[in-house]
Amino acid sequence: LTLLLGLPLALAAEGPSCPPLVTVTFDNATIPGLLGQWTYIAAASRYPPHLKEIKAVKYEIFSFSPGSHEDELNVTEIIRLNETCVVQNTGKIQVFWHNSTL
């Protein structure tokens, strides 16, 4: 029991470990690796308008497919808001090859 009570204190004494971001240079294999479905898992916010939406979203799937140009991706969202399923073609993501950003 003493060990369990002391565990939170021991964990709190350690500083948070957060590895540094690693930059990735886009190449011909990067974008195909992003294509397909990605599942939204969780969100956190203290901003009241966001909290309402976070509570309503049961799950969300993003689907990325090739755009009409090599420097864009099409995005489709499938969202379950409470008991309603919403499908949105949300648009495009621009690929900036020169500085490896989306």
PDB file of N, CA and C in Angstrom:
ATOM      1  N   LEU A   1       0.827  -1.195   0.000  1.00  0.00           N
ATOM      2  CA  LEU A   1       0.000   0.000   0.000  1.00  0.00           C
ATOM      3  C   LEU A   1       0.870   1.257   0.000  1.00  0.00           C
ATOM      4  N   THR A   2       1.944   1.251   0.789  1.00  0.00           N
ATOM      5  CA  THR A   2       2.845   2.398   0.838  1.00  0.00           C
ATOM      6  C   THR A   2       3.480   2.626  -0.518  1.00  0.00           C
ATOM      7  N   LEU A   3       3.852   1.542  -1.192  1.00  0.00           N
ATOM      8  CA  LEU A   3       4.445   1.650  -2.520  1.00  0.00           C
ATOM      9  C   LEU A   3       3.465   2.295  -3.500  1.00  0.00           C
ATOM     10  N   LEU A   4       2.209   1.870  -3.482  1.00  0.00           N
ATOM     11  CA  LEU A   4       1.210   2.433  -4.388  1.00  0.00           C
ATOM     12  C   LEU A   4       0.934   3.899  -4.095  1.00  0.00           C
ATOM     13  N   LEU A   5       0.923   4.279  -2.823  1.00  0.00           N
ATOM     14  CA  LEU A   5       0.684   5.672  -2.463  1.00  0.00           C
ATOM     15  C   LEU A   5       1.868   6.560  -2.834  1.00  0.00           C
ATOM     16  N   GLY A   6       3.056   6.016  -2.784  1.00  0.00           N
ATOM     17  CA  GLY A   6       4.252   6.797  -3.112  1.00  0.00           C
ATOM     18  C   GLY A   6       4.549   6.870  -4.595  1.00  0.00           C
ATOM     19  N   LEU A   7       3.950   5.992  -5.402  1.00  0.00           N
ATOM     20  CA  LEU A   7       4.211   5.952  -6.843  1.00  0.00           C
ATOM     21  C   LEU A   7       3.897   7.270  -7.546  1.00  0.00           C
ATOM     22  N   PRO A   8       2.737   7.901  -7.318  1.00  0.00           N
ATOM     23  CA  PRO A   8       2.477   9.183  -7.984  1.00  0.00           C
ATOM     24  C   PRO A   8       3.517  10.245  -7.648  1.00  0.00           C
ATOM     25  N   LEU A   9       3.982  10.255  -6.405  1.00  0.00           N
ATOM     26  CA  LEU A   9       5.006  11.228  -6.023  1.00  0.00           C
ATOM     27  C   LEU A   9       6.322  10.959  -6.737  1.00  0.00           C
ATOM     28  N   ALA A  10       6.681   9.702  -6.859  1.00  0.00           N
ATOM     29  CA  ALA A  10       7.913   9.347  -7.552  1.00  0.00           C
ATOM     30  C   ALA A  10       7.826   9.702  -9.029  1.00  0.00           C
ATOM     31  N   LEU A  11       6.679   9.447  -9.634  1.00  0.00           N
ATOM     32  CA  LEU A  11       6.517   9.776 -11.051  1.00  0.00           C
ATOM     33  C   LEU A  11       6.492  11.282 -11.270  1.00  0.00           C
ATOM     34  N   ALA A  12       5.901  12.019 -10.354  1.00  0.00           N
ATOM     35  CA  ALA A  12       5.828  13.473 -10.487  1.00  0.00           C
ATOM     36  C   ALA A  12       7.203  14.111 -10.337  1.00  0.00           C
ATOM     37  N   ALA A  13       8.108  13.456  -9.618  1.00  0.00           N
ATOM     38  CA  ALA A  13       9.446  14.009  -9.412  1.00  0.00           C
ATOM     39  C   ALA A  13      10.266  13.984 -10.690  1.00  0.00           C
ATOM     40  N   GLU A  14       9.954  13.064 -11.586  1.00  0.00           N
ATOM     41  CA  GLU A  14      10.669  12.998 -12.855  1.00  0.00           C
ATOM     42  C   GLU A  14      10.127  14.057 -13.795  1.00  0.00           C
ATOM     43  N   GLY A  15      11.029  14.694 -14.524  1.00  0.00           N
ATOM     44  CA  GLY A  15      10.584  15.661 -15.518  1.00  0.00           C
ATOM     45  C   GLY A  15       9.907  14.947 -16.678  1.00  0.00           C
ATOM     46  N   PRO A  16       9.000  15.631 -17.358  1.00  0.00           N
ATOM     47  CA  PRO A  16       8.353  14.979 -18.504  1.00  0.00           C
ATOM     48  C   PRO A  16       9.364  14.732 -19.615  1.00  0.00           C
ATOM     49  N   SER A  17       9.267  13.579 -20.228  1.00  0.00           N
ATOM     50  CA  SER A  17      10.178  13.284 -21.325  1.00  0.00           C
ATOM     51  C   SER A  17       9.422  13.440 -22.635  1.00  0.00           C
ATOM     52  N   CYS A  18       9.912  14.301 -23.446  1.00  0.00           N
ATOM     53  CA  CYS A  18       9.287  14.555 -24.737  1.00  0.00           C
ATOM     54  C   CYS A  18      10.410  14.637 -25.762  1.00  0.00           C
ATOM     55  N   PRO A  19      10.544  13.625 -26.594  1.00  0.00           N
ATOM     56  CA  PRO A  19      11.651  13.643 -27.544  1.00  0.00           C
ATOM     57  C   PRO A  19      11.511  14.811 -28.522  1.00  0.00           C
ATOM     58  N   PRO A  20      12.619  15.331 -29.002  1.00  0.00           N
ATOM     59  CA  PRO A  20      12.550  16.436 -29.954  1.00  0.00           C
ATOM     60  C   PRO A  20      11.934  15.986 -31.278  1.00  0.00           C
ATOM     61  N   LEU A  21      11.314  16.924 -31.966  1.00  0.00           N
ATOM     62  CA  LEU A  21      10.761  16.612 -33.280  1.00  0.00           C
ATOM     63  C   LEU A  21      11.892  16.307 -34.249  1.00  0.00           C
ATOM     64  N   VAL A  22      11.650  15.351 -35.102  1.00  0.00           N
ATOM     65  CA  VAL A  22      12.640  14.967 -36.101  1.00  0.00           C
ATOM     66  C   VAL A  22      12.124  15.434 -37.454  1.00  0.00           C
ATOM     67  N   THR A  23      12.911  16.226 -38.130  1.00  0.00           N
ATOM     68  CA  THR A  23      12.484  16.697 -39.447  1.00  0.00           C
ATOM     69  C   THR A  23      12.639  15.575 -40.467  1.00  0.00           C
ATOM     70  N   VAL A  24      11.725  15.559 -41.414  1.00  0.00           N
ATOM     71  CA  VAL A  24      11.731  14.553 -42.468  1.00  0.00           C
ATOM     72  C   VAL A  24      11.791  15.286 -43.799  1.00  0.00           C
ATOM     73  N   THR A  25      12.670  14.858 -44.657  1.00  0.00           N
ATOM     74  CA  THR A  25      12.732  15.425 -45.995  1.00  0.00           C
ATOM     75  C   THR A  25      11.853  14.580 -46.896  1.00  0.00           C
ATOM     76  N   PHE A  26      10.896  15.230 -47.566  1.00  0.00           N
ATOM     77  CA  PHE A  26      10.013  14.500 -48.460  1.00  0.00           C
ATOM     78  C   PHE A  26      10.805  13.932 -49.621  1.00  0.00           C
ATOM     79  N   ASP A  27      10.502  12.688 -49.954  1.00  0.00           N
ATOM     80  CA  ASP A  27      11.059  12.076 -51.154  1.00  0.00           C
ATOM     81  C   ASP A  27       9.917  11.342 -51.855  1.00  0.00           C
ATOM     82  N   ASN A  28      10.221  10.528 -52.845  1.00  0.00           N
ATOM     83  CA  ASN A  28       9.175   9.854 -53.613  1.00  0.00           C
ATOM     84  C   ASN A  28       8.387   8.827 -52.794  1.00  0.00           C
ATOM     85  N   ALA A  29       8.905   8.412 -51.633  1.00  0.00           N
ATOM     86  CA  ALA A  29       8.206   7.428 -50.802  1.00  0.00           C
ATOM     87  C   ALA A  29       7.360   8.083 -49.711  1.00  0.00           C
ATOM     88  N   THR A  30       7.566   9.375 -49.438  1.00  0.00           N
ATOM     89  CA  THR A  30       6.871  10.025 -48.322  1.00  0.00           C
ATOM     90  C   THR A  30       5.374  10.128 -48.554  1.00  0.00           C
ATOM     91  N   ILE A  31       4.964  10.718 -49.641  1.00  0.00           N
ATOM     92  CA  ILE A  31       3.544  10.967 -49.889  1.00  0.00           C
ATOM     93  C   ILE A  31       2.756   9.661 -50.020  1.00  0.00           C
ATOM     94  N   PRO A  32       3.239   8.659 -50.773  1.00  0.00           N
ATOM     95  CA  PRO A  32       2.483   7.396 -50.799  1.00  0.00           C
ATOM     96  C   PRO A  32       2.305   6.783 -49.407  1.00  0.00           C
ATOM     97  N   GLY A  33       3.227   7.044 -48.497  1.00  0.00           N
ATOM     98  CA  GLY A  33       3.099   6.548 -47.130  1.00  0.00           C
ATOM     99  C   GLY A  33       1.989   7.229 -46.347  1.00  0.00           C
ATOM    100  N   LEU A  34       1.573   8.420 -46.789  1.00  0.00           N
ATOM    101  CA  LEU A  34       0.495   9.151 -46.124  1.00  0.00           C
ATOM    102  C   LEU A  34      -0.882   8.780 -46.656  1.00  0.00           C
ATOM    103  N   LEU A  35      -0.937   8.197 -47.846  1.00  0.00           N
ATOM    104  CA  LEU A  35      -2.220   7.887 -48.482  1.00  0.00           C
ATOM    105  C   LEU A  35      -2.973   6.810 -47.710  1.00  0.00           C
ATOM    106  N   GLY A  36      -4.284   6.847 -47.809  1.00  0.00           N
ATOM    107  CA  GLY A  36      -5.116   5.844 -47.150  1.00  0.00           C
ATOM    108  C   GLY A  36      -5.899   6.458 -46.012  1.00  0.00           C
ATOM    109  N   GLN A  37      -6.368   5.595 -45.102  1.00  0.00           N
ATOM    110  CA  GLN A  37      -7.208   6.052 -43.999  1.00  0.00           C
ATOM    111  C   GLN A  37      -6.399   6.239 -42.724  1.00  0.00           C
ATOM    112  N   TRP A  38      -6.713   7.324 -42.026  1.00  0.00           N
ATOM    113  CA  TRP A  38      -6.122   7.641 -40.735  1.00  0.00           C
ATOM    114  C   TRP A  38      -7.270   7.828 -39.752  1.00  0.00           C
ATOM    115  N   THR A  39      -7.147   7.260 -38.570  1.00  0.00           N
ATOM    116  CA  THR A  39      -8.211   7.308 -37.581  1.00  0.00           C
ATOM    117  C   THR A  39      -7.902   8.341 -36.507  1.00  0.00           C
ATOM    118  N   TYR A  40      -8.875   9.208 -36.253  1.00  0.00           N
ATOM    119  CA  TYR A  40      -8.803  10.179 -35.166  1.00  0.00           C
ATOM    120  C   TYR A  40      -9.037   9.417 -33.877  1.00  0.00           C
ATOM    121  N   ILE A  41      -8.150   9.599 -32.913  1.00  0.00           N
ATOM    122  CA  ILE A  41      -8.266   8.828 -31.683  1.00  0.00           C
ATOM    123  C   ILE A  41      -8.780   9.669 -30.519  1.00  0.00           C
ATOM    124  N   ALA A  42      -8.189  10.823 -30.279  1.00  0.00           N
ATOM    125  CA  ALA A  42      -8.591  11.609 -29.115  1.00  0.00           C
ATOM    126  C   ALA A  42      -8.238  13.075 -29.308  1.00  0.00           C
ATOM    127  N   ALA A  43      -8.873  13.901 -28.503  1.00  0.00           N
ATOM    128  CA  ALA A  43      -8.586  15.332 -28.507  1.00  0.00           C
ATOM    129  C   ALA A  43      -8.673  15.855 -27.084  1.00  0.00           C
ATOM    130  N   ALA A  44      -8.041  16.985 -26.856  1.00  0.00           N
ATOM    131  CA  ALA A  44      -8.115  17.636 -25.549  1.00  0.00           C
ATOM    132  C   ALA A  44      -8.120  19.139 -25.762  1.00  0.00           C
ATOM    133  N   SER A  45      -8.931  19.821 -24.984  1.00  0.00           N
ATOM    134  CA  SER A  45      -9.015  21.275 -25.092  1.00  0.00           C
ATOM    135  C   SER A  45      -9.693  21.822 -23.851  1.00  0.00           C
ATOM    136  N   ARG A  46      -9.384  23.063 -23.531  1.00  0.00           N
ATOM    137  CA  ARG A  46     -10.094  23.767 -22.464  1.00  0.00           C
ATOM    138  C   ARG A  46     -10.980  24.861 -23.040  1.00  0.00           C
ATOM    139  N   TYR A  47     -10.948  25.033 -24.342  1.00  0.00           N
ATOM    140  CA  TYR A  47     -11.721  26.062 -25.013  1.00  0.00           C
ATOM    141  C   TYR A  47     -13.165  25.570 -25.154  1.00  0.00           C
ATOM    142  N   PRO A  48     -14.147  26.227 -24.499  1.00  0.00           N
ATOM    143  CA  PRO A  48     -15.527  25.719 -24.447  1.00  0.00           C
ATOM    144  C   PRO A  48     -16.146  25.322 -25.789  1.00  0.00           C
ATOM    145  N   PRO A  49     -16.012  26.112 -26.865  1.00  0.00           N
ATOM    146  CA  PRO A  49     -16.608  25.653 -28.126  1.00  0.00           C
ATOM    147  C   PRO A  49     -16.016  24.328 -28.631  1.00  0.00           C
ATOM    148  N   HIS A  50     -14.725  24.116 -28.376  1.00  0.00           N
ATOM    149  CA  HIS A  50     -14.104  22.862 -28.803  1.00  0.00           C
ATOM    150  C   HIS A  50     -14.575  21.693 -27.941  1.00  0.00           C
ATOM    151  N   LEU A  51     -14.779  21.934 -26.650  1.00  0.00           N
ATOM    152  CA  LEU A  51     -15.234  20.869 -25.753  1.00  0.00           C
ATOM    153  C   LEU A  51     -16.558  20.279 -26.206  1.00  0.00           C
ATOM    154  N   LYS A  52     -17.461  21.125 -26.644  1.00  0.00           N
ATOM    155  CA  LYS A  52     -18.765  20.650 -27.114  1.00  0.00           C
ATOM    156  C   LYS A  52     -18.590  19.703 -28.301  1.00  0.00           C
ATOM    157  N   GLU A  53     -17.734  20.086 -29.243  1.00  0.00           N
ATOM    158  CA  GLU A  53     -17.496  19.239 -30.413  1.00  0.00           C
ATOM    159  C   GLU A  53     -16.765  17.957 -30.031  1.00  0.00           C
ATOM    160  N   ILE A  54     -15.771  18.060 -29.164  1.00  0.00           N
ATOM    161  CA  ILE A  54     -15.011  16.881 -28.740  1.00  0.00           C
ATOM    162  C   ILE A  54     -15.940  15.844 -28.114  1.00  0.00           C
ATOM    163  N   LYS A  55     -16.888  16.290 -27.310  1.00  0.00           N
ATOM    164  CA  LYS A  55     -17.828  15.360 -26.669  1.00  0.00           C
ATOM    165  C   LYS A  55     -18.787  14.733 -27.669  1.00  0.00           C
ATOM    166  N   ALA A  56     -19.096  15.439 -28.742  1.00  0.00           N
ATOM    167  CA  ALA A  56     -20.049  14.931 -29.731  1.00  0.00           C
ATOM    168  C   ALA A  56     -19.413  13.949 -30.710  1.00  0.00           C
ATOM    169  N   VAL A  57     -18.109  14.085 -30.971  1.00  0.00           N
ATOM    170  CA  VAL A  57     -17.443  13.219 -31.952  1.00  0.00           C
ATOM    171  C   VAL A  57     -17.195  11.854 -31.330  1.00  0.00           C
ATOM    172  N   LYS A  58     -17.784  10.825 -31.941  1.00  0.00           N
ATOM    173  CA  LYS A  58     -17.581   9.449 -31.469  1.00  0.00           C
ATOM    174  C   LYS A  58     -16.372   8.818 -32.151  1.00  0.00           C
ATOM    175  N   TYR A  59     -16.209   9.071 -33.436  1.00  0.00           N
ATOM    176  CA  TYR A  59     -14.998   8.691 -34.148  1.00  0.00           C
ATOM    177  C   TYR A  59     -14.901   9.521 -35.410  1.00  0.00           C
ATOM    178  N   GLU A  60     -13.699   9.547 -35.962  1.00  0.00           N
ATOM    179  CA  GLU A  60     -13.471  10.309 -37.186  1.00  0.00           C
ATOM    180  C   GLU A  60     -12.378   9.607 -37.978  1.00  0.00           C
ATOM    181  N   ILE A  61     -12.609   9.488 -39.270  1.00  0.00           N
ATOM    182  CA  ILE A  61     -11.630   8.880 -40.163  1.00  0.00           C
ATOM    183  C   ILE A  61     -11.311   9.881 -41.262  1.00  0.00           C
ATOM    184  N   PHE A  62     -10.030  10.064 -41.516  1.00  0.00           N
ATOM    185  CA  PHE A  62      -9.588  10.909 -42.611  1.00  0.00           C
ATOM    186  C   PHE A  62      -9.041   9.996 -43.697  1.00  0.00           C
ATOM    187  N   SER A  63      -9.401  10.258 -44.919  1.00  0.00           N
ATOM    188  CA  SER A  63      -8.903   9.479 -46.044  1.00  0.00           C
ATOM    189  C   SER A  63      -8.148  10.413 -46.978  1.00  0.00           C
ATOM    190  N   PHE A  64      -6.889  10.102 -47.238  1.00  0.00           N
ATOM    191  CA  PHE A  64      -6.049  10.893 -48.128  1.00  0.00           C
ATOM    192  C   PHE A  64      -5.849  10.139 -49.434  1.00  0.00           C
ATOM    193  N   SER A  65      -6.071  10.834 -50.546  1.00  0.00           N
ATOM    194  CA  SER A  65      -5.873  10.237 -51.870  1.00  0.00           C
ATOM    195  C   SER A  65      -5.111  11.230 -52.738  1.00  0.00           C
ATOM    196  N   PRO A  66      -4.494  10.741 -53.819  1.00  0.00           N
ATOM    197  CA  PRO A  66      -3.736  11.645 -54.689  1.00  0.00           C
ATOM    198  C   PRO A  66      -4.649  12.714 -55.289  1.00  0.00           C
ATOM    199  N   GLY A  67      -4.134  13.938 -55.371  1.00  0.00           N
ATOM    200  CA  GLY A  67      -4.872  15.026 -55.997  1.00  0.00           C
ATOM    201  C   GLY A  67      -4.636  15.044 -57.491  1.00  0.00           C
ATOM    202  N   SER A  68      -5.116  16.091 -58.140  1.00  0.00           N
ATOM    203  CA  SER A  68      -4.949  16.207 -59.589  1.00  0.00           C
ATOM    204  C   SER A  68      -3.539  16.651 -59.974  1.00  0.00           C
ATOM    205  N   HIS A  69      -2.758  17.123 -59.005  1.00  0.00           N
ATOM    206  CA  HIS A  69      -1.357  17.508 -59.235  1.00  0.00           C
ATOM    207  C   HIS A  69      -0.495  16.772 -58.221  1.00  0.00           C
ATOM    208  N   GLU A  70       0.789  16.640 -58.518  1.00  0.00           N
ATOM    209  CA  GLU A  70       1.663  15.914 -57.596  1.00  0.00           C
ATOM    210  C   GLU A  70       1.889  16.658 -56.282  1.00  0.00           C
ATOM    211  N   ASP A  71       1.522  17.940 -56.242  1.00  0.00           N
ATOM    212  CA  ASP A  71       1.751  18.718 -55.028  1.00  0.00           C
ATOM    213  C   ASP A  71       0.468  18.939 -54.213  1.00  0.00           C
ATOM    214  N   GLU A  72      -0.519  18.026 -54.358  1.00  0.00           N
ATOM    215  CA  GLU A  72      -1.727  18.145 -53.545  1.00  0.00           C
ATOM    216  C   GLU A  72      -2.313  16.775 -53.233  1.00  0.00           C
ATOM    217  N   LEU A  73      -3.001  16.715 -52.097  1.00  0.00           N
ATOM    218  CA  LEU A  73      -3.710  15.510 -51.669  1.00  0.00           C
ATOM    219  C   LEU A  73      -5.177  15.865 -51.451  1.00  0.00           C
ATOM    220  N   ASN A  74      -6.081  14.974 -51.853  1.00  0.00           N
ATOM    221  CA  ASN A  74      -7.501  15.134 -51.559  1.00  0.00           C
ATOM    222  C   ASN A  74      -7.782  14.581 -50.170  1.00  0.00           C
ATOM    223  N   VAL A  75      -8.679  15.227 -49.434  1.00  0.00           N
ATOM    224  CA  VAL A  75      -9.011  14.792 -48.078  1.00  0.00           C
ATOM    225  C   VAL A  75     -10.520  14.578 -47.969  1.00  0.00           C
ATOM    226  N   THR A  76     -10.907  13.420 -47.432  1.00  0.00           N
ATOM    227  CA  THR A  76     -12.306  13.127 -47.133  1.00  0.00           C
ATOM    228  C   THR A  76     -12.388  12.764 -45.657  1.00  0.00           C
ATOM    229  N   GLU A  77     -13.392  13.310 -44.962  1.00  0.00           N
ATOM    230  CA  GLU A  77     -13.619  13.005 -43.550  1.00  0.00           C
ATOM    231  C   GLU A  77     -14.913  12.223 -43.396  1.00  0.00           C
ATOM    232  N   ILE A  78     -14.876  11.207 -42.568  1.00  0.00           N
ATOM    233  CA  ILE A  78     -16.084  10.491 -42.166  1.00  0.00           C
ATOM    234  C   ILE A  78     -16.166  10.650 -40.651  1.00  0.00           C
ATOM    235  N   ILE A  79     -17.232  11.314 -40.189  1.00  0.00           N
ATOM    236  CA  ILE A  79     -17.351  11.673 -38.779  1.00  0.00           C
ATOM    237  C   ILE A  79     -18.651  11.105 -38.220  1.00  0.00           C
ATOM    238  N   ARG A  80     -18.579  10.494 -37.049  1.00  0.00           N
ATOM    239  CA  ARG A  80     -19.778  10.089 -36.320  1.00  0.00           C
ATOM    240  C   ARG A  80     -19.969  11.127 -35.219  1.00  0.00           C
ATOM    241  N   LEU A  81     -20.960  12.010 -35.406  1.00  0.00           N
ATOM    242  CA  LEU A  81     -21.328  13.013 -34.406  1.00  0.00           C
ATOM    243  C   LEU A  81     -22.570  12.511 -33.704  1.00  0.00           C
ATOM    244  N   ASN A  82     -22.409  12.104 -32.456  1.00  0.00           N
ATOM    245  CA  ASN A  82     -23.488  11.466 -31.706  1.00  0.00           C
ATOM    246  C   ASN A  82     -24.043  10.312 -32.532  1.00  0.00           C
ATOM    247  N   GLU A  83     -25.267  10.394 -33.035  1.00  0.00           N
ATOM    248  CA  GLU A  83     -25.835   9.296 -33.818  1.00  0.00           C
ATOM    249  C   GLU A  83     -25.904   9.613 -35.312  1.00  0.00           C
ATOM    250  N   THR A  84     -25.217  10.648 -35.745  1.00  0.00           N
ATOM    251  CA  THR A  84     -25.260  11.061 -37.138  1.00  0.00           C
ATOM    252  C   THR A  84     -23.923  10.813 -37.806  1.00  0.00           C
ATOM    253  N   CYS A  85     -23.949  10.213 -38.999  1.00  0.00           N
ATOM    254  CA  CYS A  85     -22.731   9.999 -39.774  1.00  0.00           C
ATOM    255  C   CYS A  85     -22.643  11.108 -40.828  1.00  0.00           C
ATOM    256  N   VAL A  86     -21.517  11.796 -40.850  1.00  0.00           N
ATOM    257  CA  VAL A  86     -21.309  12.900 -41.777  1.00  0.00           C
ATOM    258  C   VAL A  86     -20.096  12.587 -42.634  1.00  0.00           C
ATOM    259  N   VAL A  87     -20.253  12.678 -43.960  1.00  0.00           N
ATOM    260  CA  VAL A  87     -19.132  12.493 -44.887  1.00  0.00           C
ATOM    261  C   VAL A  87     -18.880  13.834 -45.552  1.00  0.00           C
ATOM    262  N   GLN A  88     -17.641  14.293 -45.466  1.00  0.00           N
ATOM    263  CA  GLN A  88     -17.289  15.586 -46.046  1.00  0.00           C
ATOM    264  C   GLN A  88     -16.071  15.435 -46.939  1.00  0.00           C
ATOM    265  N   ASN A  89     -16.152  15.958 -48.138  1.00  0.00           N
ATOM    266  CA  ASN A  89     -14.961  16.116 -48.962  1.00  0.00           C
ATOM    267  C   ASN A  89     -14.390  17.470 -48.572  1.00  0.00           C
ATOM    268  N   THR A  90     -13.440  17.446 -47.659  1.00  0.00           N
ATOM    269  CA  THR A  90     -13.006  18.686 -47.028  1.00  0.00           C
ATOM    270  C   THR A  90     -12.039  19.497 -47.878  1.00  0.00           C
ATOM    271  N   GLY A  91     -11.566  18.938 -48.940  1.00  0.00           N
ATOM    272  CA  GLY A  91     -10.696  19.756 -49.786  1.00  0.00           C
ATOM    273  C   GLY A  91      -9.369  19.120 -50.062  1.00  0.00           C
ATOM    274  N   LYS A  92      -8.362  19.961 -50.096  1.00  0.00           N
ATOM    275  CA  LYS A  92      -7.040  19.529 -50.513  1.00  0.00           C
ATOM    276  C   LYS A  92      -5.984  19.970 -49.515  1.00  0.00           C
ATOM    277  N   ILE A  93      -4.917  19.203 -49.449  1.00  0.00           N
ATOM    278  CA  ILE A  93      -3.730  19.567 -48.682  1.00  0.00           C
ATOM    279  C   ILE A  93      -2.632  19.859 -49.686  1.00  0.00           C
ATOM    280  N   GLN A  94      -2.004  21.005 -49.528  1.00  0.00           N
ATOM    281  CA  GLN A  94      -0.922  21.412 -50.430  1.00  0.00           C
ATOM    282  C   GLN A  94       0.395  20.841 -49.926  1.00  0.00           C
ATOM    283  N   VAL A  95       1.181  20.240 -50.802  1.00  0.00           N
ATOM    284  CA  VAL A  95       2.491  19.691 -50.472  1.00  0.00           C
ATOM    285  C   VAL A  95       3.554  20.683 -50.926  1.00  0.00           C
ATOM    286  N   PHE A  96       4.386  21.119 -49.993  1.00  0.00           N
ATOM    287  CA  PHE A  96       5.504  22.005 -50.315  1.00  0.00           C
ATOM    288  C   PHE A  96       6.783  21.180 -50.269  1.00  0.00           C
ATOM    289  N   TRP A  97       7.227  20.731 -51.424  1.00  0.00           N
ATOM    290  CA  TRP A  97       8.385  19.845 -51.510  1.00  0.00           C
ATOM    291  C   TRP A  97       9.663  20.529 -51.059  1.00  0.00           C
ATOM    292  N   HIS A  98       9.818  21.827 -51.338  1.00  0.00           N
ATOM    293  CA  HIS A  98      11.085  22.513 -51.067  1.00  0.00           C
ATOM    294  C   HIS A  98      11.412  22.603 -49.577  1.00  0.00           C
ATOM    295  N   ASN A  99      10.382  22.622 -48.715  1.00  0.00           N
ATOM    296  CA  ASN A  99      10.686  22.651 -47.276  1.00  0.00           C
ATOM    297  C   ASN A  99       9.986  21.534 -46.495  1.00  0.00           C
ATOM    298  N   SER A 100       9.505  20.518 -47.213  1.00  0.00           N
ATOM    299  CA  SER A 100       8.919  19.310 -46.611  1.00  0.00           C
ATOM    300  C   SER A 100       7.801  19.618 -45.620  1.00  0.00           C
ATOM    301  N   THR A 101       6.825  20.405 -46.059  1.00  0.00           N
ATOM    302  CA  THR A 101       5.662  20.690 -45.209  1.00  0.00           C
ATOM    303  C   THR A 101       4.378  20.440 -45.977  1.00  0.00           C
ATOM    304  N   LEU A 102       3.292  20.283 -45.246  1.00  0.00           N
ATOM    305  CA  LEU A 102       1.962  20.103 -45.834  1.00  0.00           C
ATOM    306  C   LEU A 102       1.112  21.299 -45.473  1.00  0.00           C
TER     307      LEU A 102
END
